[in-house]
Amino acid sequence: MVILEPDVEGHPQEWLQHLMEFIAGRDVGAPVWLVTPEKLCRALAKAMPSSAIGRVRLVTLSMSEHRLCTHPRLWVSAFARLATMRRHLRRTGARSGFFLSLDLLSLPLALGLGVGGKSISGILFRPSVHYAAFGSYRPSITEKLRDLRKDIFYRLMLRNSALATVLSLDPFFPAHAAARYAHGTKVQSLSDPAHPPSGSDAHPSPPDFTPPGKVGFLLFGYLTERKGPLALLEALALLEPHIAARVAVLFAGRVDPALREALALRHRALLARHPEIWLRIEDRRLDAPELGALIRRSDVVLAPYQRFVGSSGVLLWAAREGRPVLAQEYGLVGRLTREHHLGHVVDSGSPSSLAVEITRMVDQGPESFIDKHAAQAYAAAHSPHDFASAVISSALVLSAV
C-alpha cells in the first residue's frame, strides 16, 4: 500500500503517526510506503516506533513532484497527485494507493482516470452537497455552483472502477451518497481521530496563558484566513472596555504567510483601541503534548471559521480536555457542536455577532456552555486505533488483529 501526502501543514503528521503506531502493533501482511515531502519524512522517521521499521517505509517526494502536487492551480495539483501515485505504485509494486485528501482528486477520477490497473482509496474531507439537510442552510450563488460541481464530480468519480473506497469524515454524507448515487455504497464513514492525551505538561505552553483574572480564548492550528483570525480581531475591537479587560486571546500555530501582514495590521489596530486586552500570537508549530497542555490552560477553544466545509480536529481536542468551543454555526462544524453539546455556535462571518457571544461567555462563565459528559463521549468515539484500522483495511486485508 502506498499512502501519498504532499502537504506538510495541518493534520498529516499526526495522522501518519497514528498509522505507524497501528502498523507497529500488528502484521498487516505487506509493507506500507508513506510518500511525503522531505520535512515530513524527517519528522516521521524520528517518531517511528522500532517495531514499525521495515513494515513502514518512508519515501521522499522529489522537489519537482512536491512542487507540482502542491501547485496553486488545483487542477494541476490534482493531475500531478494522480500521476505521482501511479509512478510510486509502479516503483514499489504495491497493490493499492491511498490519498489522505481525496477531494482534490475528484476531477481526474470523474474523468475515469486510474493508476495503471491498481485500486485507490482516500479520505474525503469536504462534502457539502447534503448541507440542506442540516437545517437553515442559505447558500450563496458561489456555494450553489460549488455544490452542483461537487454533485456531478461525486456521481462520476464513484463510477470509476479504480476507486475502491471513499472514507468520509462527515458521518452524514455516506447515507446521502448511498441514496443519491449509483455507486454511493463505496462511501463509508471514518471517525476523525482524537489525539490521545499525553498525561504530562512536560512541554511548557507560551508564557502566562491564561493570565490571572482573565478568560482565556485559544485559536490554534495552521492559521489561514478561513480559520477566522481576522474576523475575530474585528470582533475583539467591538468589545466593551470592561469585557476586553477580562479577555485573554492566544493564536497558537504557524501563520499562513499570505495572512501575516493583514494579521499584524489588525493586531496593532486592536491594541491601539483596547490596550487593556491581552493578545499574543505564537507563530510556530506546536507539538501534541504542548498543545494539550495549552488547551487545558485555556477556558474557551475558538473555531470561528468562515463558512468552512468539513469537520475539524479542533472539536476533538477541545472535547477531550473538557473545554467549550465557540464555533461557526455553518455546516458540519456547527451541527457537531450543537448535537454533542460541545459549546456554542455563532454566525462567525459577523464580527458583531462574535463580539456578543464572546461577551456572553465572559459574563456567564465558559463552563455553562458545554456538557462535559457528552463531550467526553464524543471524544471517546474517535480513537486513533479505529481511524488507522479503517484506513489500512480500506486497502489491505489484515493478517492479524
Protein backbone atom coordinates (compact mmCIF):
# COMPACT_ATOMS: atom_id res chain seq x y z
CA MET A 1 0.00 0.00 0.00
CA VAL A 2 1.26 3.47 -0.91
CA ILE A 3 -0.04 6.44 1.09
CA LEU A 4 0.65 9.75 -0.65
CA GLU A 5 0.57 13.06 1.25
CA PRO A 6 2.25 16.09 -0.34
CA ASP A 7 1.10 18.62 2.30
CA VAL A 8 3.09 19.36 5.44
CA GLU A 9 0.87 21.74 7.41
CA GLY A 10 -2.19 20.72 9.40
CA HIS A 11 -3.16 17.14 10.23
CA PRO A 12 -0.88 14.91 8.03
CA GLN A 13 1.92 14.38 10.55
CA GLU A 14 -0.46 13.44 13.36
CA TRP A 15 -2.47 11.09 11.15
CA LEU A 16 0.56 9.35 9.69
CA GLN A 17 1.93 8.84 13.20
CA HIS A 18 -1.35 7.14 14.14
CA LEU A 19 -0.94 4.85 11.13
CA MET A 20 2.69 4.00 12.02
CA GLU A 21 1.71 3.16 15.60
CA PHE A 22 -1.13 0.95 14.39
CA ILE A 23 1.12 -0.92 11.97
CA ALA A 24 3.77 -1.29 14.69
CA GLY A 25 1.32 -3.31 16.78
CA ARG A 26 0.19 -5.82 14.15
CA ASP A 27 1.29 -7.57 10.97
CA VAL A 28 -0.71 -6.06 8.11
CA GLY A 29 0.69 -8.61 5.67
CA ALA A 30 2.55 -6.22 3.38
CA PRO A 31 4.77 -3.14 3.56
CA VAL A 32 3.17 0.30 3.69
CA TRP A 33 5.01 3.10 1.90
CA LEU A 34 4.49 6.66 3.15
CA VAL A 35 5.35 9.09 0.35
CA THR A 36 5.73 12.60 1.74
CA PRO A 37 7.87 15.77 1.44
CA GLU A 38 11.37 15.67 2.94
CA LYS A 39 10.43 17.74 6.02
CA LEU A 40 7.59 15.40 6.91
CA CYS A 41 9.72 12.31 6.20
CA ARG A 42 12.30 13.52 8.72
CA ALA A 43 9.64 14.11 11.39
CA LEU A 44 8.09 10.69 10.79
CA ALA A 45 11.47 8.96 10.91
CA LYS A 46 12.06 10.42 14.40
CA ALA A 47 8.61 9.32 15.59
CA MET A 48 8.59 5.82 14.06
CA PRO A 49 8.19 3.00 16.62
CA SER A 50 11.01 0.46 16.42
CA SER A 51 8.56 -2.36 15.66
CA ALA A 52 7.31 -0.46 12.60
CA ILE A 53 10.73 -0.37 10.97
CA GLY A 54 10.58 -2.49 7.82
CA ARG A 55 6.80 -2.59 7.90
CA VAL A 56 6.62 1.15 7.20
CA ARG A 57 8.91 2.53 4.51
CA LEU A 58 9.40 6.27 4.12
CA VAL A 59 9.84 7.70 0.63
CA THR A 60 10.66 11.35 -0.03
CA LEU A 61 8.89 13.18 -2.82
CA SER A 62 11.28 14.73 -5.30
CA MET A 63 11.35 18.53 -5.46
CA SER A 64 9.54 18.52 -8.80
CA GLU A 65 6.90 16.07 -7.52
CA HIS A 66 6.29 18.19 -4.45
CA ARG A 67 6.12 21.40 -6.45
CA LEU A 68 3.55 20.01 -8.87
CA CYS A 69 1.49 18.20 -6.20
CA THR A 70 1.11 21.46 -4.26
CA HIS A 71 0.66 23.72 -7.29
CA PRO A 72 -1.67 26.68 -6.56
CA ARG A 73 -3.78 25.76 -9.59
CA LEU A 74 -5.86 22.95 -8.17
CA TRP A 75 -6.35 21.11 -11.45
CA VAL A 76 -2.57 20.95 -11.92
CA SER A 77 -2.16 19.62 -8.38
CA ALA A 78 -4.92 17.05 -8.95
CA PHE A 79 -3.43 15.51 -12.09
CA ALA A 80 0.07 15.68 -10.59
CA ARG A 81 -1.02 13.75 -7.50
CA LEU A 82 -2.61 11.02 -9.58
CA ALA A 83 0.47 10.75 -11.80
CA THR A 84 2.75 10.68 -8.73
CA MET A 85 0.70 7.92 -7.14
CA ARG A 86 0.80 5.90 -10.38
CA ARG A 87 4.60 6.29 -10.51
CA HIS A 88 5.16 5.18 -6.90
CA LEU A 89 2.78 2.24 -7.21
CA ARG A 90 4.79 1.08 -10.20
CA ARG A 91 8.13 1.57 -8.41
CA THR A 92 7.10 -0.21 -5.21
CA GLY A 93 4.94 -2.93 -6.71
CA ALA A 94 2.22 -2.07 -4.20
CA ARG A 95 -1.32 -3.28 -4.91
CA SER A 96 -3.19 -0.15 -3.84
CA GLY A 97 -2.84 3.55 -3.22
CA PHE A 98 -4.37 5.81 -0.60
CA PHE A 99 -4.75 9.61 -0.55
CA LEU A 100 -5.09 11.31 2.82
CA SER A 101 -7.03 14.01 0.98
CA LEU A 102 -9.18 12.71 -1.86
CA ASP A 103 -11.09 15.95 -2.51
CA LEU A 104 -8.50 17.27 -4.97
CA LEU A 105 -8.66 14.05 -6.98
CA SER A 106 -12.36 14.36 -7.82
CA LEU A 107 -11.75 15.87 -11.28
CA PRO A 108 -9.34 13.25 -12.70
CA LEU A 109 -11.32 10.44 -11.08
CA ALA A 110 -14.55 11.84 -12.56
CA LEU A 111 -12.85 11.71 -15.96
CA GLY A 112 -12.31 7.98 -15.44
CA LEU A 113 -8.53 8.11 -14.93
CA GLY A 114 -6.82 5.46 -12.83
CA VAL A 115 -3.41 4.31 -11.67
CA GLY A 116 -2.40 1.55 -14.04
CA GLY A 117 -4.91 -1.08 -13.00
CA LYS A 118 -4.32 -0.74 -9.26
CA SER A 119 -7.04 0.26 -6.80
CA ILE A 120 -7.14 3.58 -4.97
CA SER A 121 -8.96 4.85 -1.90
CA GLY A 122 -8.85 8.01 0.18
CA ILE A 123 -10.37 10.36 2.71
CA LEU A 124 -12.99 12.87 1.60
CA PHE A 125 -12.79 15.99 3.74
CA ARG A 126 -15.30 18.43 2.38
CA PRO A 127 -18.58 17.11 1.01
CA SER A 128 -21.18 19.89 1.22
CA VAL A 129 -23.86 18.73 -1.23
CA HIS A 130 -26.02 17.49 1.68
CA TYR A 131 -25.88 20.61 3.88
CA ALA A 132 -29.50 21.50 3.12
CA ALA A 133 -30.44 18.60 5.42
CA PHE A 134 -28.65 20.32 8.31
CA GLY A 135 -31.36 22.96 8.72
CA SER A 136 -31.07 26.66 7.97
CA TYR A 137 -28.66 26.39 5.05
CA ARG A 138 -28.75 29.51 2.88
CA PRO A 139 -26.05 29.02 0.26
CA SER A 140 -24.69 31.88 -1.76
CA ILE A 141 -24.61 31.71 -5.56
CA THR A 142 -20.97 30.67 -5.36
CA GLU A 143 -21.79 27.90 -2.90
CA LYS A 144 -24.68 26.67 -5.06
CA LEU A 145 -22.34 26.41 -8.05
CA ARG A 146 -19.71 24.69 -5.90
CA ASP A 147 -22.23 22.11 -4.68
CA LEU A 148 -23.52 21.49 -8.20
CA ARG A 149 -19.97 20.87 -9.41
CA LYS A 150 -19.28 18.53 -6.49
CA ASP A 151 -22.51 16.63 -7.10
CA ILE A 152 -21.52 15.97 -10.71
CA PHE A 153 -17.97 15.01 -9.79
CA TYR A 154 -19.07 12.65 -6.99
CA ARG A 155 -21.55 10.90 -9.28
CA LEU A 156 -18.89 10.34 -11.95
CA MET A 157 -15.92 9.51 -9.71
CA LEU A 158 -17.90 6.83 -7.85
CA ARG A 159 -18.44 5.09 -11.20
CA ASN A 160 -14.67 4.88 -11.70
CA SER A 161 -13.67 1.23 -11.26
CA ALA A 162 -10.24 2.27 -9.96
CA LEU A 163 -11.83 3.92 -6.92
CA ALA A 164 -12.44 1.23 -4.30
CA THR A 165 -13.42 3.11 -1.14
CA VAL A 166 -14.14 6.69 -0.11
CA LEU A 167 -13.80 7.32 3.63
CA SER A 168 -15.86 10.33 4.69
CA LEU A 169 -15.04 12.39 7.77
CA ASP A 170 -18.60 13.71 7.57
CA PRO A 171 -20.72 11.00 9.25
CA PHE A 172 -23.88 12.22 7.50
CA PHE A 173 -22.56 12.01 3.93
CA PRO A 174 -22.44 8.20 3.41
CA ALA A 175 -26.24 7.88 3.74
CA HIS A 176 -26.71 10.77 1.31
CA ALA A 177 -24.31 9.16 -1.18
CA ALA A 178 -25.97 5.73 -0.90
CA ALA A 179 -29.38 7.27 -1.56
CA ARG A 180 -28.33 9.58 -4.39
CA TYR A 181 -25.50 7.94 -6.35
CA ALA A 182 -25.45 4.65 -8.25
CA HIS A 183 -22.21 3.56 -6.59
CA GLY A 184 -22.73 5.51 -3.37
CA THR A 185 -22.12 2.47 -1.19
CA LYS A 186 -18.39 2.98 -1.84
CA VAL A 187 -18.63 5.87 0.65
CA GLN A 188 -18.04 4.80 4.24
CA SER A 189 -17.86 6.80 7.45
CA LEU A 190 -14.48 7.49 9.08
CA SER A 191 -14.07 8.97 12.55
CA ASP A 192 -11.65 11.86 12.78
CA PRO A 193 -9.05 10.67 15.35
CA ALA A 194 -8.79 12.37 18.72
CA HIS A 195 -5.12 12.59 19.65
CA PRO A 196 -4.53 10.53 22.81
CA PRO A 197 -3.75 12.55 25.95
CA SER A 198 -0.08 12.98 26.75
CA GLY A 199 -0.67 12.79 30.50
CA SER A 200 2.05 15.38 31.05
CA ASP A 201 2.66 19.10 30.96
CA ALA A 202 6.35 18.46 30.30
CA HIS A 203 6.26 20.80 27.33
CA PRO A 204 5.60 24.33 28.60
CA SER A 205 2.92 26.42 26.93
CA PRO A 206 3.62 30.00 25.85
CA PRO A 207 4.23 32.25 28.89
CA ASP A 208 1.48 33.15 31.38
CA PHE A 209 -1.52 31.92 29.39
CA THR A 210 -4.12 32.28 30.79
CA PRO A 211 -3.20 35.35 32.93
CA PRO A 212 -4.88 35.51 36.35
CA GLY A 213 -8.31 37.10 36.37
CA LYS A 214 -8.89 36.72 32.64
CA VAL A 215 -10.90 34.31 30.49
CA GLY A 216 -8.55 32.60 28.06
CA PHE A 217 -9.67 32.16 24.44
CA LEU A 218 -7.44 29.92 22.30
CA LEU A 219 -7.32 29.75 18.50
CA PHE A 220 -4.87 27.08 17.33
CA GLY A 221 -3.76 25.17 14.27
CA TYR A 222 -2.37 26.29 10.95
CA LEU A 223 -3.80 29.80 10.84
CA THR A 224 -5.32 30.73 7.49
CA GLU A 225 -7.93 33.39 6.77
CA ARG A 226 -10.72 30.79 6.65
CA LYS A 227 -9.93 29.89 10.29
CA GLY A 228 -11.33 33.31 11.20
CA PRO A 229 -8.45 35.21 12.87
CA LEU A 230 -9.22 38.47 11.06
CA ALA A 231 -12.93 38.34 11.88
CA LEU A 232 -12.03 37.53 15.47
CA LEU A 233 -9.76 40.58 15.75
CA GLU A 234 -12.58 42.74 14.39
CA ALA A 235 -14.92 41.26 16.99
CA LEU A 236 -12.48 41.92 19.82
CA ALA A 237 -12.30 45.57 18.76
CA LEU A 238 -16.08 45.80 19.31
CA LEU A 239 -15.97 44.62 22.92
CA GLU A 240 -16.87 46.98 25.72
CA PRO A 241 -13.73 48.05 27.63
CA HIS A 242 -14.77 46.27 30.84
CA ILE A 243 -15.17 42.99 28.88
CA ALA A 244 -11.95 43.48 26.91
CA ALA A 245 -10.10 43.88 30.22
CA ARG A 246 -11.23 40.37 31.21
CA VAL A 247 -10.24 38.71 27.93
CA ALA A 248 -7.00 36.94 27.00
CA VAL A 249 -6.59 35.63 23.45
CA LEU A 250 -3.80 33.42 22.14
CA PHE A 251 -3.27 32.50 18.49
CA ALA A 252 -1.10 29.37 18.57
CA GLY A 253 0.18 27.82 15.37
CA ARG A 254 2.01 28.69 12.21
CA VAL A 255 0.50 31.67 10.43
CA ASP A 256 -0.13 31.39 6.69
CA PRO A 257 2.49 33.68 5.07
CA ALA A 258 -0.28 35.23 2.95
CA LEU A 259 -2.03 36.29 6.16
CA ARG A 260 0.87 37.69 8.19
CA GLU A 261 0.71 41.31 7.05
CA ALA A 262 -3.06 41.67 7.45
CA LEU A 263 -2.92 39.93 10.83
CA ALA A 264 -0.19 42.27 12.07
CA LEU A 265 -2.16 45.35 10.95
CA ARG A 266 -5.35 44.21 12.71
CA HIS A 267 -3.34 43.27 15.79
CA ARG A 268 -1.84 46.76 16.07
CA ALA A 269 -5.21 48.42 15.46
CA LEU A 270 -6.84 46.30 18.18
CA LEU A 271 -4.18 47.10 20.78
CA ALA A 272 -4.48 50.81 19.96
CA ARG A 273 -8.24 50.60 20.62
CA HIS A 274 -8.11 48.20 23.57
CA PRO A 275 -4.69 48.38 25.27
CA GLU A 276 -6.26 46.53 28.21
CA ILE A 277 -6.78 43.35 26.19
CA TRP A 278 -4.21 40.51 26.42
CA LEU A 279 -3.39 39.18 22.95
CA ARG A 280 -0.44 37.08 21.79
CA ILE A 281 0.43 35.35 18.51
CA GLU A 282 2.66 32.28 18.84
CA ASP A 283 3.68 31.79 15.20
CA ARG A 284 5.11 28.27 15.22
CA ARG A 285 4.00 24.65 15.07
CA LEU A 286 3.17 23.19 18.47
CA ASP A 287 3.71 19.50 19.18
CA ALA A 288 0.92 17.39 20.65
CA PRO A 289 1.95 17.42 24.35
CA GLU A 290 2.45 21.18 24.29
CA LEU A 291 -0.88 21.73 22.56
CA GLY A 292 -2.70 19.51 25.06
CA ALA A 293 -1.19 21.47 27.96
CA LEU A 294 -2.17 24.73 26.33
CA ILE A 295 -5.80 23.67 25.83
CA ARG A 296 -6.01 22.62 29.49
CA ARG A 297 -4.83 26.10 30.49
CA SER A 298 -7.43 27.79 28.28
CA ASP A 299 -11.10 28.45 29.08
CA VAL A 300 -12.58 28.51 25.55
CA VAL A 301 -11.34 26.99 22.29
CA LEU A 302 -12.18 29.10 19.26
CA ALA A 303 -13.34 27.78 15.89
CA PRO A 304 -14.79 30.93 14.26
CA TYR A 305 -14.30 29.52 10.77
CA GLN A 306 -15.56 31.44 7.75
CA ARG A 307 -18.16 29.07 6.21
CA PHE A 308 -15.64 26.25 6.40
CA VAL A 309 -16.75 22.95 4.84
CA GLY A 310 -15.98 19.68 6.58
CA SER A 311 -15.01 18.54 10.07
CA SER A 312 -12.37 19.94 12.38
CA GLY A 313 -10.00 18.18 14.74
CA VAL A 314 -10.23 21.28 16.95
CA LEU A 315 -13.61 19.99 18.21
CA LEU A 316 -12.00 16.74 19.33
CA TRP A 317 -9.07 18.39 21.09
CA ALA A 318 -11.46 20.67 22.97
CA ALA A 319 -13.92 17.88 23.83
CA ARG A 320 -11.20 15.63 25.16
CA GLU A 321 -9.97 18.35 27.52
CA GLY A 322 -13.50 19.42 28.51
CA ARG A 323 -13.22 22.92 27.06
CA PRO A 324 -16.18 24.58 25.32
CA VAL A 325 -15.80 25.73 21.73
CA LEU A 326 -17.12 28.91 20.17
CA ALA A 327 -17.65 27.68 16.64
CA GLN A 328 -19.20 28.64 13.33
CA GLU A 329 -22.89 27.71 13.07
CA TYR A 330 -22.46 26.75 9.40
CA GLY A 331 -22.09 23.22 8.08
CA LEU A 332 -20.74 20.13 9.80
CA VAL A 333 -18.77 22.00 12.48
CA GLY A 334 -21.94 23.75 13.60
CA ARG A 335 -24.02 20.58 13.57
CA LEU A 336 -21.50 18.54 15.56
CA THR A 337 -21.12 21.35 18.11
CA ARG A 338 -24.89 21.52 18.63
CA GLU A 339 -25.64 17.79 18.61
CA HIS A 340 -22.85 16.83 21.01
CA HIS A 341 -23.20 19.92 23.24
CA LEU A 342 -19.57 20.86 22.69
CA GLY A 343 -20.05 24.59 23.15
CA HIS A 344 -21.81 27.43 21.38
CA VAL A 345 -22.28 28.32 17.70
CA VAL A 346 -22.36 31.76 16.13
CA ASP A 347 -22.58 33.48 12.76
CA SER A 348 -18.81 33.78 12.68
CA GLY A 349 -18.83 35.86 9.50
CA SER A 350 -20.33 38.70 11.56
CA PRO A 351 -17.79 40.37 13.92
CA SER A 352 -20.64 41.98 15.86
CA SER A 353 -22.25 38.54 16.48
CA LEU A 354 -18.89 37.15 17.55
CA ALA A 355 -18.44 40.06 19.97
CA VAL A 356 -21.87 39.41 21.51
CA GLU A 357 -21.11 35.72 22.10
CA ILE A 358 -17.64 36.39 23.50
CA THR A 359 -19.26 38.82 25.92
CA ARG A 360 -21.84 36.20 26.93
CA MET A 361 -19.16 33.60 27.59
CA VAL A 362 -17.19 36.03 29.73
CA ASP A 363 -20.28 37.17 31.68
CA GLN A 364 -21.91 33.76 32.17
CA GLY A 365 -18.77 31.67 32.52
CA PRO A 366 -17.42 29.31 29.82
CA GLU A 367 -18.39 26.10 31.67
CA SER A 368 -22.09 26.88 31.29
CA PHE A 369 -21.74 26.36 27.52
CA ILE A 370 -20.59 22.72 27.49
CA ASP A 371 -21.93 19.33 28.58
CA LYS A 372 -18.67 17.70 29.65
CA HIS A 373 -20.10 14.18 29.79
CA ALA A 374 -21.41 14.46 26.23
CA ALA A 375 -18.11 15.98 25.10
CA GLN A 376 -16.08 13.15 26.65
CA ALA A 377 -18.34 10.57 24.99
CA TYR A 378 -17.85 12.31 21.65
CA ALA A 379 -14.07 12.29 22.01
CA ALA A 380 -14.03 8.65 23.17
CA ALA A 381 -15.83 7.57 20.00
CA HIS A 382 -12.97 8.89 17.85
CA SER A 383 -9.98 6.72 18.66
CA PRO A 384 -6.74 6.81 16.64
CA HIS A 385 -6.83 2.98 16.58
CA ASP A 386 -10.23 2.91 14.84
CA PHE A 387 -9.11 5.59 12.41
CA ALA A 388 -5.94 3.74 11.46
CA SER A 389 -7.72 0.40 11.23
CA ALA A 390 -10.28 1.83 8.80
CA VAL A 391 -7.59 3.41 6.62
CA ILE A 392 -5.46 0.27 6.43
CA SER A 393 -8.48 -2.01 5.98
CA SER A 394 -9.68 0.05 3.03
CA ALA A 395 -6.72 -1.27 1.04
CA LEU A 396 -5.31 -4.29 2.86
CA VAL A 397 -6.74 -7.42 4.45
CA LEU A 398 -5.25 -7.51 7.94
CA SER A 399 -3.47 -10.77 8.63
CA ALA A 400 -3.57 -10.16 12.38
CA VAL A 401 -5.87 -8.07 14.55
